[in-house]
Protein backbone atom coordinates (compact mmCIF):
# COMPACT_ATOMS: atom_id res chain seq x y z
CA UNK A 1 -35.50 -30.44 46.49
CA UNK A 2 -33.18 -29.90 43.54
CA UNK A 3 -33.65 -31.84 40.36
CA UNK A 4 -30.69 -34.10 39.71
CA UNK A 5 -30.30 -36.22 36.62
CA UNK A 6 -29.71 -39.86 37.53
CA UNK A 7 -26.09 -39.65 36.40
CA UNK A 8 -25.53 -36.54 38.56
CA UNK A 9 -26.05 -38.45 41.78
CA UNK A 10 -22.73 -40.28 41.40
CA UNK A 11 -20.29 -38.47 39.12
CA UNK A 12 -18.23 -40.68 36.85
CA UNK A 13 -14.84 -41.45 38.28
CA UNK A 14 -15.98 -40.96 41.88
CA UNK A 15 -14.62 -38.24 44.09
CA UNK A 16 -11.38 -36.57 43.14
CA UNK A 17 -8.45 -36.35 45.52
CA UNK A 18 -7.06 -33.01 46.59
CA UNK A 19 -3.40 -32.04 46.73
CA UNK A 20 -2.89 -33.69 50.15
CA UNK A 21 -4.82 -36.85 49.35
CA UNK A 22 -8.11 -35.69 50.88
CA UNK A 23 -11.30 -36.58 49.03
CA UNK A 24 -12.92 -33.55 47.42
CA UNK A 25 -16.61 -33.32 46.63
CA UNK A 26 -17.66 -32.54 43.06
CA UNK A 27 -18.32 -28.84 42.47
CA UNK A 28 -21.97 -27.76 42.69
CA UNK A 29 -23.62 -25.56 40.07
CA UNK A 30 -27.00 -23.83 40.26
CA UNK A 31 -28.65 -23.34 36.86
CA UNK A 32 -31.31 -20.61 36.80
CA UNK A 33 -33.14 -20.78 33.45
CA UNK A 34 -36.83 -20.37 32.63
CA UNK A 35 -36.87 -22.53 29.48
CA UNK A 36 -37.19 -26.15 30.60
CA UNK A 37 -35.45 -27.55 27.51
CA UNK A 38 -32.38 -25.35 28.00
CA UNK A 39 -32.36 -26.01 31.76
CA UNK A 40 -32.51 -29.78 31.21
CA UNK A 41 -29.86 -29.75 28.48
CA UNK A 42 -27.43 -27.72 30.62
CA UNK A 43 -28.12 -29.87 33.68
CA UNK A 44 -27.43 -33.06 31.73
CA UNK A 45 -24.28 -31.72 30.09
CA UNK A 46 -22.81 -30.55 33.40
CA UNK A 47 -23.88 -33.68 35.28
CA UNK A 48 -22.22 -35.81 32.60
CA UNK A 49 -18.85 -34.17 33.30
CA UNK A 50 -19.16 -34.67 37.04
CA UNK A 51 -20.82 -31.62 38.60
CA UNK A 52 -23.59 -31.71 41.20
CA UNK A 53 -26.51 -29.83 39.70
CA UNK A 54 -29.31 -27.74 41.20
CA UNK A 55 -31.88 -26.01 39.04
CA UNK A 56 -34.45 -23.23 39.27
CA UNK A 57 -37.02 -21.97 36.76
CA UNK A 58 -36.80 -18.28 37.70
CA UNK A 59 -34.75 -15.83 39.71
CA UNK A 60 -36.84 -16.02 42.86
CA UNK A 61 -36.57 -19.83 42.95
CA UNK A 62 -32.88 -19.50 42.18
CA UNK A 63 -32.24 -17.33 45.22
CA UNK A 64 -34.18 -19.78 47.39
CA UNK A 65 -32.11 -22.67 46.01
CA UNK A 66 -28.87 -20.74 46.58
CA UNK A 67 -29.78 -20.09 50.21
CA UNK A 68 -30.81 -23.71 50.79
CA UNK A 69 -27.97 -25.41 48.89
CA UNK A 70 -24.67 -23.53 48.81
CA UNK A 71 -23.10 -23.92 45.39
CA UNK A 72 -19.72 -23.17 43.86
CA UNK A 73 -21.07 -21.40 40.77
CA UNK A 74 -24.34 -19.89 39.53
CA UNK A 75 -25.23 -20.02 35.83
CA UNK A 76 -28.15 -17.66 35.23
CA UNK A 77 -30.27 -16.51 32.35
CA UNK A 78 -31.04 -12.78 32.38
CA UNK A 79 -34.58 -12.68 30.97
CA UNK A 80 -36.92 -14.62 33.25
CA UNK A 81 -40.32 -14.24 34.89
CA UNK A 82 -40.78 -13.19 38.54
CA UNK A 83 -37.19 -11.98 38.99
CA UNK A 84 -34.74 -11.37 36.18
CA UNK A 85 -31.11 -12.39 36.15
CA UNK A 86 -29.75 -8.89 36.73
CA UNK A 87 -31.72 -8.70 39.99
CA UNK A 88 -30.42 -12.16 40.93
CA UNK A 89 -26.83 -11.06 40.32
CA UNK A 90 -27.35 -7.88 42.37
CA UNK A 91 -28.86 -9.87 45.23
CA UNK A 92 -26.11 -12.51 45.21
CA UNK A 93 -23.26 -10.01 45.08
CA UNK A 94 -24.88 -7.60 47.57
CA UNK A 95 -24.17 -10.01 50.41
CA UNK A 96 -20.44 -9.45 49.92
CA UNK A 97 -19.82 -13.10 49.18
CA UNK A 98 -17.40 -13.98 46.42
CA UNK A 99 -20.07 -15.68 44.33
CA UNK A 100 -18.99 -17.04 40.96
CA UNK A 101 -21.67 -16.12 38.42
CA UNK A 102 -21.90 -16.73 34.69
CA UNK A 103 -24.70 -14.88 32.89
CA UNK A 104 -26.36 -15.77 29.59
CA UNK A 105 -29.11 -14.29 27.44
CA UNK A 106 -30.57 -14.50 23.98
CA UNK A 107 -32.38 -11.17 24.12
CA UNK A 108 -30.15 -8.12 24.53
CA UNK A 109 -26.36 -8.14 24.48
CA UNK A 110 -26.41 -4.83 26.37
CA UNK A 111 -27.86 -6.74 29.30
CA UNK A 112 -24.80 -8.99 29.29
CA UNK A 113 -22.54 -5.97 29.77
CA UNK A 114 -24.73 -4.83 32.68
CA UNK A 115 -24.46 -8.32 34.16
CA UNK A 116 -20.67 -8.04 34.07
CA UNK A 117 -20.83 -4.64 35.80
CA UNK A 118 -23.10 -6.11 38.49
CA UNK A 119 -20.73 -8.98 39.25
CA UNK A 120 -21.00 -11.76 36.65
CA UNK A 121 -17.53 -13.14 36.01
CA UNK A 122 -18.30 -14.26 32.47
CA UNK A 123 -21.09 -13.64 29.98
CA UNK A 124 -22.50 -15.68 27.09
CA UNK A 125 -24.97 -14.83 24.33
CA UNK A 126 -27.51 -17.42 23.21
CA UNK A 127 -27.46 -19.64 21.32
CA UNK A 128 -24.78 -20.96 23.63
CA UNK A 129 -21.39 -22.20 22.52
CA UNK A 130 -21.45 -25.22 24.85
CA UNK A 131 -17.74 -25.99 24.53
CA UNK A 132 -16.81 -22.40 25.45
CA UNK A 133 -19.33 -22.41 28.29
CA UNK A 134 -17.92 -25.64 29.70
CA UNK A 135 -14.38 -24.24 29.51
CA UNK A 136 -15.53 -21.06 31.27
CA UNK A 137 -17.14 -23.07 34.06
CA UNK A 138 -14.03 -25.20 34.48
CA UNK A 139 -11.87 -22.07 34.51
CA UNK A 140 -13.99 -20.35 37.15
CA UNK A 141 -13.94 -23.46 39.32
CA UNK A 142 -10.26 -24.16 38.73
CA UNK A 143 -11.10 -27.67 37.50
CA UNK A 144 -9.68 -28.34 34.09
CA UNK A 145 -9.24 -32.07 34.68
CA UNK A 146 -12.90 -33.11 34.52
CA UNK A 147 -14.07 -35.58 31.91
CA UNK A 148 -14.90 -33.97 28.60
CA UNK A 149 -18.52 -33.97 27.45
CA UNK A 150 -19.26 -36.29 24.59
């Protein structure tokens, strides 16, 4: 079962309406990050602007979550126990699906370039620029009208 902050269960503003008046569900994001404090902070930030959030503490759990709960975007760290982020990216893109992936790391910027070669759409060094990360997520999801984080 994914961890969802209380505020993530019902995004502020309710469901958005699509171009033809149909109700659209909030976009879902899977955060794969081994540091609990970073994972929680990202989950809260993204839940506060209206995304449905799923989390995993390592790459292996992340792949299990992805298979169980289809998401619109994966935000993954690269340096993690059990299965690193590069292996996660390879596994997700190997299926031929058009998976939207954003990679992040605080260890080796060379790994970020590898992540891009393996299929990550955008890359971010740590410490994270949260405003830039939020804009990148909105860009990838085509949703620039979400509430801004406070």
